[in-house]
Amino acid sequence: MQVSDLYLEYRKEREGIEYILVEGAFVTYKFLEKHCYLMDVFCVKELRDSGIVYELASKVEALAKNSGYSKMLGSVDTKALSPEAGLQACFNQGYKILKVDGSVIWLQKEI
């Protein structure tokens, strides 16, 4: 088992997250009461323009829809590196701003 697998398993056990891990990228998500929360999306720099992030996010949306959810939730922390890129990715996926809470911008999407 790779270190990344161990870390994601640790978070799954500790925080109740789910994840999809592929070569060079992963996404974490959690089913909440009314939303499926797309928590983290990451890929190595070499894959950033490959569409892998879109594919992983789409897989989570399909899982959520098949589980009876009609809304996705996402967030971008403005204190993170390059929050503009995260926001742009959310907007490109069809997310709209739900609210701003401190440094965190919460986004929602109907699925």
PDB file of N, CA and C in Angstrom:
ATOM      1  N   MET A   1       0.844  -1.179   0.000  1.00  0.00           N
ATOM      2  CA  MET A   1       0.000   0.000   0.000  1.00  0.00           C
ATOM      3  C   MET A   1       0.891   1.246   0.000  1.00  0.00           C
ATOM      4  N   GLN A   2       0.569   2.187  -0.860  1.00  0.00           N
ATOM      5  CA  GLN A   2       1.320   3.443  -0.966  1.00  0.00           C
ATOM      6  C   GLN A   2       0.973   4.376   0.192  1.00  0.00           C
ATOM      7  N   VAL A   3       1.821   5.355   0.430  1.00  0.00           N
ATOM      8  CA  VAL A   3       1.585   6.334   1.490  1.00  0.00           C
ATOM      9  C   VAL A   3       0.263   7.064   1.263  1.00  0.00           C
ATOM     10  N   SER A   4      -0.018   7.449   0.009  1.00  0.00           N
ATOM     11  CA  SER A   4      -1.264   8.164  -0.272  1.00  0.00           C
ATOM     12  C   SER A   4      -2.476   7.304   0.067  1.00  0.00           C
ATOM     13  N   ASP A   5      -2.386   6.000  -0.214  1.00  0.00           N
ATOM     14  CA  ASP A   5      -3.474   5.086   0.142  1.00  0.00           C
ATOM     15  C   ASP A   5      -3.661   5.054   1.653  1.00  0.00           C
ATOM     16  N   LEU A   6      -2.575   4.988   2.386  1.00  0.00           N
ATOM     17  CA  LEU A   6      -2.650   4.949   3.843  1.00  0.00           C
ATOM     18  C   LEU A   6      -3.269   6.225   4.398  1.00  0.00           C
ATOM     19  N   TYR A   7      -2.855   7.356   3.870  1.00  0.00           N
ATOM     20  CA  TYR A   7      -3.392   8.624   4.358  1.00  0.00           C
ATOM     21  C   TYR A   7      -4.892   8.711   4.092  1.00  0.00           C
ATOM     22  N   LEU A   8      -5.322   8.320   2.914  1.00  0.00           N
ATOM     23  CA  LEU A   8      -6.747   8.374   2.593  1.00  0.00           C
ATOM     24  C   LEU A   8      -7.539   7.377   3.437  1.00  0.00           C
ATOM     25  N   GLU A   9      -6.972   6.213   3.681  1.00  0.00           N
ATOM     26  CA  GLU A   9      -7.624   5.243   4.559  1.00  0.00           C
ATOM     27  C   GLU A   9      -7.730   5.775   5.985  1.00  0.00           C
ATOM     28  N   TYR A  10      -6.682   6.451   6.436  1.00  0.00           N
ATOM     29  CA  TYR A  10      -6.683   7.086   7.749  1.00  0.00           C
ATOM     30  C   TYR A  10      -7.827   8.099   7.848  1.00  0.00           C
ATOM     31  N   ARG A  11      -7.956   8.950   6.839  1.00  0.00           N
ATOM     32  CA  ARG A  11      -9.024   9.954   6.841  1.00  0.00           C
ATOM     33  C   ARG A  11     -10.395   9.307   6.761  1.00  0.00           C
ATOM     34  N   LYS A  12     -10.499   8.213   6.015  1.00  0.00           N
ATOM     35  CA  LYS A  12     -11.776   7.507   5.925  1.00  0.00           C
ATOM     36  C   LYS A  12     -12.178   6.976   7.295  1.00  0.00           C
ATOM     37  N   GLU A  13     -11.232   6.369   7.982  1.00  0.00           N
ATOM     38  CA  GLU A  13     -11.521   5.813   9.302  1.00  0.00           C
ATOM     39  C   GLU A  13     -11.793   6.913  10.328  1.00  0.00           C
ATOM     40  N   ARG A  14     -11.007   7.966  10.290  1.00  0.00           N
ATOM     41  CA  ARG A  14     -11.101   9.025  11.287  1.00  0.00           C
ATOM     42  C   ARG A  14     -12.251  10.002  11.037  1.00  0.00           C
ATOM     43  N   GLU A  15     -12.461  10.378   9.765  1.00  0.00           N
ATOM     44  CA  GLU A  15     -13.423  11.433   9.430  1.00  0.00           C
ATOM     45  C   GLU A  15     -14.666  10.940   8.691  1.00  0.00           C
ATOM     46  N   GLY A  16     -14.676   9.683   8.296  1.00  0.00           N
ATOM     47  CA  GLY A  16     -15.822   9.147   7.574  1.00  0.00           C
ATOM     48  C   GLY A  16     -15.911   9.573   6.129  1.00  0.00           C
ATOM     49  N   ILE A  17     -14.774   9.977   5.553  1.00  0.00           N
ATOM     50  CA  ILE A  17     -14.787  10.388   4.144  1.00  0.00           C
ATOM     51  C   ILE A  17     -14.774   9.160   3.236  1.00  0.00           C
ATOM     52  N   GLU A  18     -15.120   9.377   2.009  1.00  0.00           N
ATOM     53  CA  GLU A  18     -14.945   8.399   0.943  1.00  0.00           C
ATOM     54  C   GLU A  18     -13.928   8.998  -0.021  1.00  0.00           C
ATOM     55  N   TYR A  19     -13.342   8.181  -0.860  1.00  0.00           N
ATOM     56  CA  TYR A  19     -12.382   8.723  -1.819  1.00  0.00           C
ATOM     57  C   TYR A  19     -12.299   7.858  -3.059  1.00  0.00           C
ATOM     58  N   ILE A  20     -11.811   8.486  -4.110  1.00  0.00           N
ATOM     59  CA  ILE A  20     -11.451   7.793  -5.348  1.00  0.00           C
ATOM     60  C   ILE A  20     -10.012   8.178  -5.614  1.00  0.00           C
ATOM     61  N   LEU A  21      -9.177   7.178  -5.796  1.00  0.00           N
ATOM     62  CA  LEU A  21      -7.752   7.388  -6.026  1.00  0.00           C
ATOM     63  C   LEU A  21      -7.373   6.732  -7.345  1.00  0.00           C
ATOM     64  N   VAL A  22      -6.762   7.517  -8.213  1.00  0.00           N
ATOM     65  CA  VAL A  22      -6.236   7.002  -9.478  1.00  0.00           C
ATOM     66  C   VAL A  22      -4.773   7.425  -9.568  1.00  0.00           C
ATOM     67  N   GLU A  23      -4.069   6.927 -10.546  1.00  0.00           N
ATOM     68  CA  GLU A  23      -2.663   7.297 -10.724  1.00  0.00           C
ATOM     69  C   GLU A  23      -2.531   8.804 -10.887  1.00  0.00           C
ATOM     70  N   GLY A  24      -1.900   9.448  -9.924  1.00  0.00           N
ATOM     71  CA  GLY A  24      -1.623  10.875 -10.014  1.00  0.00           C
ATOM     72  C   GLY A  24      -2.724  11.807  -9.545  1.00  0.00           C
ATOM     73  N   ALA A  25      -3.833  11.270  -9.035  1.00  0.00           N
ATOM     74  CA  ALA A  25      -4.932  12.144  -8.625  1.00  0.00           C
ATOM     75  C   ALA A  25      -5.846  11.440  -7.626  1.00  0.00           C
ATOM     76  N   PHE A  26      -6.549  12.256  -6.845  1.00  0.00           N
ATOM     77  CA  PHE A  26      -7.576  11.705  -5.962  1.00  0.00           C
ATOM     78  C   PHE A  26      -8.633  12.757  -5.687  1.00  0.00           C
ATOM     79  N   VAL A  27      -9.771  12.291  -5.213  1.00  0.00           N
ATOM     80  CA  VAL A  27     -10.859  13.144  -4.775  1.00  0.00           C
ATOM     81  C   VAL A  27     -11.401  12.547  -3.479  1.00  0.00           C
ATOM     82  N   THR A  28     -11.746  13.432  -2.525  1.00  0.00           N
ATOM     83  CA  THR A  28     -12.395  12.979  -1.300  1.00  0.00           C
ATOM     84  C   THR A  28     -13.777  13.610  -1.239  1.00  0.00           C
ATOM     85  N   TYR A  29     -14.711  12.872  -0.641  1.00  0.00           N
ATOM     86  CA  TYR A  29     -16.076  13.363  -0.542  1.00  0.00           C
ATOM     87  C   TYR A  29     -16.757  12.727   0.662  1.00  0.00           C
ATOM     88  N   LYS A  30     -17.879  13.320   1.049  1.00  0.00           N
ATOM     89  CA  LYS A  30     -18.614  12.812   2.205  1.00  0.00           C
ATOM     90  C   LYS A  30     -20.095  13.042   1.974  1.00  0.00           C
ATOM     91  N   PHE A  31     -20.882  12.033   2.269  1.00  0.00           N
ATOM     92  CA  PHE A  31     -22.331  12.165   2.175  1.00  0.00           C
ATOM     93  C   PHE A  31     -22.852  12.789   3.461  1.00  0.00           C
ATOM     94  N   LEU A  32     -23.460  13.960   3.339  1.00  0.00           N
ATOM     95  CA  LEU A  32     -24.062  14.662   4.463  1.00  0.00           C
ATOM     96  C   LEU A  32     -25.575  14.483   4.398  1.00  0.00           C
ATOM     97  N   GLU A  33     -26.285  15.154   5.273  1.00  0.00           N
ATOM     98  CA  GLU A  33     -27.741  14.994   5.318  1.00  0.00           C
ATOM     99  C   GLU A  33     -28.417  15.403   4.005  1.00  0.00           C
ATOM    100  N   LYS A  34     -28.078  16.593   3.496  1.00  0.00           N
ATOM    101  CA  LYS A  34     -28.752  17.104   2.300  1.00  0.00           C
ATOM    102  C   LYS A  34     -27.847  17.225   1.081  1.00  0.00           C
ATOM    103  N   HIS A  35     -26.561  17.103   1.277  1.00  0.00           N
ATOM    104  CA  HIS A  35     -25.593  17.308   0.198  1.00  0.00           C
ATOM    105  C   HIS A  35     -24.579  16.173   0.166  1.00  0.00           C
ATOM    106  N   CYS A  36     -23.974  16.035  -0.989  1.00  0.00           N
ATOM    107  CA  CYS A  36     -22.728  15.281  -1.089  1.00  0.00           C
ATOM    108  C   CYS A  36     -21.636  16.344  -1.150  1.00  0.00           C
ATOM    109  N   TYR A  37     -20.758  16.320  -0.178  1.00  0.00           N
ATOM    110  CA  TYR A  37     -19.715  17.345  -0.051  1.00  0.00           C
ATOM    111  C   TYR A  37     -18.450  16.875  -0.752  1.00  0.00           C
ATOM    112  N   LEU A  38     -18.115  17.523  -1.843  1.00  0.00           N
ATOM    113  CA  LEU A  38     -16.870  17.271  -2.568  1.00  0.00           C
ATOM    114  C   LEU A  38     -15.781  18.031  -1.828  1.00  0.00           C
ATOM    115  N   MET A  39     -14.978  17.331  -1.052  1.00  0.00           N
ATOM    116  CA  MET A  39     -14.062  17.956  -0.110  1.00  0.00           C
ATOM    117  C   MET A  39     -12.739  18.367  -0.744  1.00  0.00           C
ATOM    118  N   ASP A  40     -12.016  17.406  -1.262  1.00  0.00           N
ATOM    119  CA  ASP A  40     -10.686  17.661  -1.815  1.00  0.00           C
ATOM    120  C   ASP A  40     -10.585  17.078  -3.209  1.00  0.00           C
ATOM    121  N   VAL A  41      -9.966  17.828  -4.087  1.00  0.00           N
ATOM    122  CA  VAL A  41      -9.637  17.331  -5.423  1.00  0.00           C
ATOM    123  C   VAL A  41      -8.178  17.693  -5.651  1.00  0.00           C
ATOM    124  N   PHE A  42      -7.372  16.705  -5.991  1.00  0.00           N
ATOM    125  CA  PHE A  42      -5.954  16.967  -6.200  1.00  0.00           C
ATOM    126  C   PHE A  42      -5.435  16.118  -7.346  1.00  0.00           C
ATOM    127  N   CYS A  43      -4.554  16.719  -8.135  1.00  0.00           N
ATOM    128  CA  CYS A  43      -3.807  15.949  -9.125  1.00  0.00           C
ATOM    129  C   CYS A  43      -2.412  16.551  -9.256  1.00  0.00           C
ATOM    130  N   VAL A  44      -1.482  15.746  -9.690  1.00  0.00           N
ATOM    131  CA  VAL A  44      -0.115  16.214  -9.886  1.00  0.00           C
ATOM    132  C   VAL A  44      -0.102  17.248 -11.013  1.00  0.00           C
ATOM    133  N   LYS A  45       0.889  18.119 -10.979  1.00  0.00           N
ATOM    134  CA  LYS A  45       0.961  19.227 -11.941  1.00  0.00           C
ATOM    135  C   LYS A  45       0.899  18.758 -13.387  1.00  0.00           C
ATOM    136  N   GLU A  46       1.513  17.634 -13.674  1.00  0.00           N
ATOM    137  CA  GLU A  46       1.563  17.127 -15.060  1.00  0.00           C
ATOM    138  C   GLU A  46       0.175  16.771 -15.596  1.00  0.00           C
ATOM    139  N   LEU A  47      -0.796  16.556 -14.721  1.00  0.00           N
ATOM    140  CA  LEU A  47      -2.139  16.155 -15.150  1.00  0.00           C
ATOM    141  C   LEU A  47      -3.170  17.270 -15.047  1.00  0.00           C
ATOM    142  N   ARG A  48      -2.763  18.457 -14.668  1.00  0.00           N
ATOM    143  CA  ARG A  48      -3.717  19.524 -14.359  1.00  0.00           C
ATOM    144  C   ARG A  48      -4.570  19.962 -15.555  1.00  0.00           C
ATOM    145  N   ASP A  49      -4.107  19.791 -16.753  1.00  0.00           N
ATOM    146  CA  ASP A  49      -4.910  20.147 -17.929  1.00  0.00           C
ATOM    147  C   ASP A  49      -5.424  18.917 -18.673  1.00  0.00           C
ATOM    148  N   SER A  50      -5.392  17.772 -18.024  1.00  0.00           N
ATOM    149  CA  SER A  50      -5.761  16.521 -18.698  1.00  0.00           C
ATOM    150  C   SER A  50      -7.242  16.187 -18.623  1.00  0.00           C
ATOM    151  N   GLY A  51      -7.987  16.872 -17.749  1.00  0.00           N
ATOM    152  CA  GLY A  51      -9.402  16.546 -17.568  1.00  0.00           C
ATOM    153  C   GLY A  51      -9.651  15.541 -16.459  1.00  0.00           C
ATOM    154  N   ILE A  52      -8.602  15.075 -15.800  1.00  0.00           N
ATOM    155  CA  ILE A  52      -8.752  14.060 -14.753  1.00  0.00           C
ATOM    156  C   ILE A  52      -9.572  14.581 -13.580  1.00  0.00           C
ATOM    157  N   VAL A  53      -9.395  15.853 -13.220  1.00  0.00           N
ATOM    158  CA  VAL A  53     -10.157  16.435 -12.112  1.00  0.00           C
ATOM    159  C   VAL A  53     -11.642  16.449 -12.451  1.00  0.00           C
ATOM    160  N   TYR A  54     -11.978  16.833 -13.663  1.00  0.00           N
ATOM    161  CA  TYR A  54     -13.372  16.834 -14.112  1.00  0.00           C
ATOM    162  C   TYR A  54     -13.944  15.419 -14.061  1.00  0.00           C
ATOM    163  N   GLU A  55     -13.178  14.441 -14.522  1.00  0.00           N
ATOM    164  CA  GLU A  55     -13.632  13.050 -14.511  1.00  0.00           C
ATOM    165  C   GLU A  55     -13.905  12.555 -13.096  1.00  0.00           C
ATOM    166  N   LEU A  56     -12.994  12.841 -12.174  1.00  0.00           N
ATOM    167  CA  LEU A  56     -13.181  12.397 -10.793  1.00  0.00           C
ATOM    168  C   LEU A  56     -14.392  13.080 -10.156  1.00  0.00           C
ATOM    169  N   ALA A  57     -14.528  14.387 -10.358  1.00  0.00           N
ATOM    170  CA  ALA A  57     -15.680  15.108  -9.808  1.00  0.00           C
ATOM    171  C   ALA A  57     -16.979  14.575 -10.395  1.00  0.00           C
ATOM    172  N   SER A  58     -16.979  14.252 -11.677  1.00  0.00           N
ATOM    173  CA  SER A  58     -18.165  13.697 -12.331  1.00  0.00           C
ATOM    174  C   SER A  58     -18.527  12.329 -11.769  1.00  0.00           C
ATOM    175  N   LYS A  59     -17.514  11.526 -11.435  1.00  0.00           N
ATOM    176  CA  LYS A  59     -17.774  10.218 -10.817  1.00  0.00           C
ATOM    177  C   LYS A  59     -18.447  10.389  -9.456  1.00  0.00           C
ATOM    178  N   VAL A  60     -17.974  11.354  -8.683  1.00  0.00           N
ATOM    179  CA  VAL A  60     -18.586  11.603  -7.369  1.00  0.00           C
ATOM    180  C   VAL A  60     -20.023  12.076  -7.541  1.00  0.00           C
ATOM    181  N   GLU A  61     -20.262  12.959  -8.494  1.00  0.00           N
ATOM    182  CA  GLU A  61     -21.626  13.426  -8.750  1.00  0.00           C
ATOM    183  C   GLU A  61     -22.541  12.272  -9.140  1.00  0.00           C
ATOM    184  N   ALA A  62     -22.045  11.364  -9.957  1.00  0.00           N
ATOM    185  CA  ALA A  62     -22.849  10.201 -10.356  1.00  0.00           C
ATOM    186  C   ALA A  62     -23.154   9.316  -9.149  1.00  0.00           C
ATOM    187  N   LEU A  63     -22.160   9.100  -8.290  1.00  0.00           N
ATOM    188  CA  LEU A  63     -22.384   8.316  -7.070  1.00  0.00           C
ATOM    189  C   LEU A  63     -23.428   8.986  -6.184  1.00  0.00           C
ATOM    190  N   ALA A  64     -23.328  10.304  -6.047  1.00  0.00           N
ATOM    191  CA  ALA A  64     -24.279  11.045  -5.221  1.00  0.00           C
ATOM    192  C   ALA A  64     -25.691  10.940  -5.787  1.00  0.00           C
ATOM    193  N   LYS A  65     -25.810  11.139  -7.084  1.00  0.00           N
ATOM    194  CA  LYS A  65     -27.122  11.068  -7.728  1.00  0.00           C
ATOM    195  C   LYS A  65     -27.728   9.678  -7.578  1.00  0.00           C
ATOM    196  N   ASN A  66     -26.912   8.655  -7.768  1.00  0.00           N
ATOM    197  CA  ASN A  66     -27.386   7.277  -7.622  1.00  0.00           C
ATOM    198  C   ASN A  66     -27.747   6.935  -6.177  1.00  0.00           C
ATOM    199  N   SER A  67     -27.222   7.720  -5.236  1.00  0.00           N
ATOM    200  CA  SER A  67     -27.529   7.523  -3.813  1.00  0.00           C
ATOM    201  C   SER A  67     -28.702   8.388  -3.355  1.00  0.00           C
ATOM    202  N   GLY A  68     -29.330   9.092  -4.290  1.00  0.00           N
ATOM    203  CA  GLY A  68     -30.518   9.871  -3.976  1.00  0.00           C
ATOM    204  C   GLY A  68     -30.282  11.330  -3.656  1.00  0.00           C
ATOM    205  N   TYR A  69     -29.082  11.814  -3.832  1.00  0.00           N
ATOM    206  CA  TYR A  69     -28.784  13.224  -3.562  1.00  0.00           C
ATOM    207  C   TYR A  69     -29.104  14.066  -4.795  1.00  0.00           C
ATOM    208  N   SER A  70     -29.515  15.310  -4.550  1.00  0.00           N
ATOM    209  CA  SER A  70     -29.795  16.220  -5.659  1.00  0.00           C
ATOM    210  C   SER A  70     -28.914  17.459  -5.622  1.00  0.00           C
ATOM    211  N   LYS A  71     -28.050  17.553  -4.588  1.00  0.00           N
ATOM    212  CA  LYS A  71     -27.189  18.721  -4.459  1.00  0.00           C
ATOM    213  C   LYS A  71     -25.770  18.304  -4.072  1.00  0.00           C
ATOM    214  N   MET A  72     -24.827  18.995  -4.687  1.00  0.00           N
ATOM    215  CA  MET A  72     -23.415  18.864  -4.330  1.00  0.00           C
ATOM    216  C   MET A  72     -23.009  20.116  -3.574  1.00  0.00           C
ATOM    217  N   LEU A  73     -22.060  19.941  -2.666  1.00  0.00           N
ATOM    218  CA  LEU A  73     -21.521  21.049  -1.899  1.00  0.00           C
ATOM    219  C   LEU A  73     -20.014  21.054  -2.090  1.00  0.00           C
ATOM    220  N   GLY A  74     -19.441  22.221  -2.232  1.00  0.00           N
ATOM    221  CA  GLY A  74     -17.994  22.355  -2.358  1.00  0.00           C
ATOM    222  C   GLY A  74     -17.545  23.581  -1.579  1.00  0.00           C
ATOM    223  N   SER A  75     -16.245  23.710  -1.391  1.00  0.00           N
ATOM    224  CA  SER A  75     -15.730  24.877  -0.684  1.00  0.00           C
ATOM    225  C   SER A  75     -14.340  25.219  -1.194  1.00  0.00           C
ATOM    226  N   VAL A  76     -14.023  26.497  -1.087  1.00  0.00           N
ATOM    227  CA  VAL A  76     -12.695  26.989  -1.421  1.00  0.00           C
ATOM    228  C   VAL A  76     -12.274  27.910  -0.293  1.00  0.00           C
ATOM    229  N   ASP A  77     -11.115  27.640   0.275  1.00  0.00           N
ATOM    230  CA  ASP A  77     -10.575  28.492   1.324  1.00  0.00           C
ATOM    231  C   ASP A  77      -9.699  29.552   0.660  1.00  0.00           C
ATOM    232  N   THR A  78     -10.042  30.803   0.853  1.00  0.00           N
ATOM    233  CA  THR A  78      -9.306  31.889   0.210  1.00  0.00           C
ATOM    234  C   THR A  78      -7.891  32.041   0.760  1.00  0.00           C
ATOM    235  N   LYS A  79      -7.590  31.360   1.873  1.00  0.00           N
ATOM    236  CA  LYS A  79      -6.241  31.398   2.436  1.00  0.00           C
ATOM    237  C   LYS A  79      -5.335  30.324   1.833  1.00  0.00           C
ATOM    238  N   ALA A  80      -5.910  29.444   1.046  1.00  0.00           N
ATOM    239  CA  ALA A  80      -5.123  28.400   0.387  1.00  0.00           C
ATOM    240  C   ALA A  80      -4.329  28.999  -0.774  1.00  0.00           C
ATOM    241  N   LEU A  81      -3.352  28.266  -1.255  1.00  0.00           N
ATOM    242  CA  LEU A  81      -2.613  28.711  -2.438  1.00  0.00           C
ATOM    243  C   LEU A  81      -3.541  28.687  -3.650  1.00  0.00           C
ATOM    244  N   SER A  82      -3.506  29.713  -4.439  1.00  0.00           N
ATOM    245  CA  SER A  82      -4.273  29.822  -5.689  1.00  0.00           C
ATOM    246  C   SER A  82      -5.770  29.535  -5.524  1.00  0.00           C
ATOM    247  N   PRO A  83      -6.450  30.248  -4.633  1.00  0.00           N
ATOM    248  CA  PRO A  83      -7.884  29.991  -4.479  1.00  0.00           C
ATOM    249  C   PRO A  83      -8.669  30.316  -5.757  1.00  0.00           C
ATOM    250  N   GLU A  84      -8.119  31.199  -6.583  1.00  0.00           N
ATOM    251  CA  GLU A  84      -8.792  31.549  -7.838  1.00  0.00           C
ATOM    252  C   GLU A  84      -8.948  30.320  -8.731  1.00  0.00           C
ATOM    253  N   ALA A  85      -7.913  29.476  -8.774  1.00  0.00           N
ATOM    254  CA  ALA A  85      -7.967  28.266  -9.601  1.00  0.00           C
ATOM    255  C   ALA A  85      -9.053  27.322  -9.093  1.00  0.00           C
ATOM    256  N   GLY A  86      -9.152  27.182  -7.776  1.00  0.00           N
ATOM    257  CA  GLY A  86     -10.201  26.339  -7.198  1.00  0.00           C
ATOM    258  C   GLY A  86     -11.587  26.872  -7.494  1.00  0.00           C
ATOM    259  N   LEU A  87     -11.754  28.182  -7.348  1.00  0.00           N
ATOM    260  CA  LEU A  87     -13.042  28.788  -7.657  1.00  0.00           C
ATOM    261  C   LEU A  87     -13.396  28.630  -9.131  1.00  0.00           C
ATOM    262  N   GLN A  88     -12.426  28.855  -9.996  1.00  0.00           N
ATOM    263  CA  GLN A  88     -12.686  28.726 -11.424  1.00  0.00           C
ATOM    264  C   GLN A  88     -13.087  27.302 -11.779  1.00  0.00           C
ATOM    265  N   ALA A  89     -12.418  26.328 -11.172  1.00  0.00           N
ATOM    266  CA  ALA A  89     -12.767  24.925 -11.419  1.00  0.00           C
ATOM    267  C   ALA A  89     -14.204  24.649 -10.973  1.00  0.00           C
ATOM    268  N   CYS A  90     -14.585  25.187  -9.819  1.00  0.00           N
ATOM    269  CA  CYS A  90     -15.965  25.007  -9.335  1.00  0.00           C
ATOM    270  C   CYS A  90     -16.964  25.655 -10.283  1.00  0.00           C
ATOM    271  N   PHE A  91     -16.678  26.881 -10.706  1.00  0.00           N
ATOM    272  CA  PHE A  91     -17.581  27.560 -11.632  1.00  0.00           C
ATOM    273  C   PHE A  91     -17.683  26.792 -12.953  1.00  0.00           C
ATOM    274  N   ASN A  92     -16.558  26.259 -13.431  1.00  0.00           N
ATOM    275  CA  ASN A  92     -16.567  25.476 -14.673  1.00  0.00           C
ATOM    276  C   ASN A  92     -17.417  24.215 -14.541  1.00  0.00           C
ATOM    277  N   GLN A  93     -17.532  23.691 -13.324  1.00  0.00           N
ATOM    278  CA  GLN A  93     -18.331  22.482 -13.071  1.00  0.00           C
ATOM    279  C   GLN A  93     -19.801  22.818 -12.821  1.00  0.00           C
ATOM    280  N   GLY A  94     -20.144  24.114 -12.787  1.00  0.00           N
ATOM    281  CA  GLY A  94     -21.531  24.507 -12.604  1.00  0.00           C
ATOM    282  C   GLY A  94     -21.918  24.872 -11.180  1.00  0.00           C
ATOM    283  N   TYR A  95     -20.947  24.969 -10.284  1.00  0.00           N
ATOM    284  CA  TYR A  95     -21.226  25.371  -8.908  1.00  0.00           C
ATOM    285  C   TYR A  95     -21.503  26.869  -8.848  1.00  0.00           C
ATOM    286  N   LYS A  96     -22.354  27.254  -7.900  1.00  0.00           N
ATOM    287  CA  LYS A  96     -22.663  28.658  -7.653  1.00  0.00           C
ATOM    288  C   LYS A  96     -22.392  28.949  -6.177  1.00  0.00           C
ATOM    289  N   ILE A  97     -22.028  30.186  -5.880  1.00  0.00           N
ATOM    290  CA  ILE A  97     -21.731  30.550  -4.505  1.00  0.00           C
ATOM    291  C   ILE A  97     -22.994  30.437  -3.652  1.00  0.00           C
ATOM    292  N   LEU A  98     -22.866  29.716  -2.552  1.00  0.00           N
ATOM    293  CA  LEU A  98     -23.952  29.534  -1.605  1.00  0.00           C
ATOM    294  C   LEU A  98     -23.837  30.559  -0.476  1.00  0.00           C
ATOM    295  N   LYS A  99     -22.621  30.670   0.091  1.00  0.00           N
ATOM    296  CA  LYS A  99     -22.385  31.645   1.155  1.00  0.00           C
ATOM    297  C   LYS A  99     -20.885  31.792   1.373  1.00  0.00           C
ATOM    298  N   VAL A 100     -20.522  32.858   2.055  1.00  0.00           N
ATOM    299  CA  VAL A 100     -19.138  33.089   2.445  1.00  0.00           C
ATOM    300  C   VAL A 100     -19.109  33.083   3.962  1.00  0.00           C
ATOM    301  N   ASP A 101     -18.227  32.270   4.513  1.00  0.00           N
ATOM    302  CA  ASP A 101     -18.102  32.141   5.964  1.00  0.00           C
ATOM    303  C   ASP A 101     -16.635  32.332   6.329  1.00  0.00           C
ATOM    304  N   GLY A 102     -16.272  33.529   6.750  1.00  0.00           N
ATOM    305  CA  GLY A 102     -14.876  33.826   7.035  1.00  0.00           C
ATOM    306  C   GLY A 102     -14.069  33.756   5.753  1.00  0.00           C
ATOM    307  N   SER A 103     -13.038  32.925   5.749  1.00  0.00           N
ATOM    308  CA  SER A 103     -12.194  32.797   4.557  1.00  0.00           C
ATOM    309  C   SER A 103     -12.674  31.697   3.609  1.00  0.00           C
ATOM    310  N   VAL A 104     -13.772  31.039   3.952  1.00  0.00           N
ATOM    311  CA  VAL A 104     -14.263  29.921   3.138  1.00  0.00           C
ATOM    312  C   VAL A 104     -15.464  30.349   2.299  1.00  0.00           C
ATOM    313  N   ILE A 105     -15.366  30.058   1.012  1.00  0.00           N
ATOM    314  CA  ILE A 105     -16.473  30.277   0.089  1.00  0.00           C
ATOM    315  C   ILE A 105     -17.138  28.928  -0.132  1.00  0.00           C
ATOM    316  N   TRP A 106     -18.404  28.824   0.240  1.00  0.00           N
ATOM    317  CA  TRP A 106     -19.173  27.592   0.066  1.00  0.00           C
ATOM    318  C   TRP A 106     -19.927  27.675  -1.240  1.00  0.00           C
ATOM    319  N   LEU A 107     -19.900  26.573  -1.995  1.00  0.00           N
ATOM    320  CA  LEU A 107     -20.540  26.527  -3.307  1.00  0.00           C
ATOM    321  C   LEU A 107     -21.495  25.345  -3.361  1.00  0.00           C
ATOM    322  N   GLN A 108     -22.507  25.471  -4.192  1.00  0.00           N
ATOM    323  CA  GLN A 108     -23.516  24.411  -4.326  1.00  0.00           C
ATOM    324  C   GLN A 108     -23.827  24.187  -5.798  1.00  0.00           C
ATOM    325  N   LYS A 109     -24.220  22.974  -6.093  1.00  0.00           N
ATOM    326  CA  LYS A 109     -24.582  22.608  -7.467  1.00  0.00           C
ATOM    327  C   LYS A 109     -25.751  21.629  -7.422  1.00  0.00           C
ATOM    328  N   GLU A 110     -26.737  21.863  -8.251  1.00  0.00           N
ATOM    329  CA  GLU A 110     -27.840  20.914  -8.418  1.00  0.00           C
ATOM    330  C   GLU A 110     -27.372  19.797  -9.353  1.00  0.00           C
ATOM    331  N   ILE A 111     -27.714  18.569  -9.011  1.00  0.00           N
ATOM    332  CA  ILE A 111     -27.357  17.441  -9.898  1.00  0.00           C
ATOM    333  C   ILE A 111     -28.593  16.666 -10.294  1.00  0.00           C
TER     334      ILE A 111
END
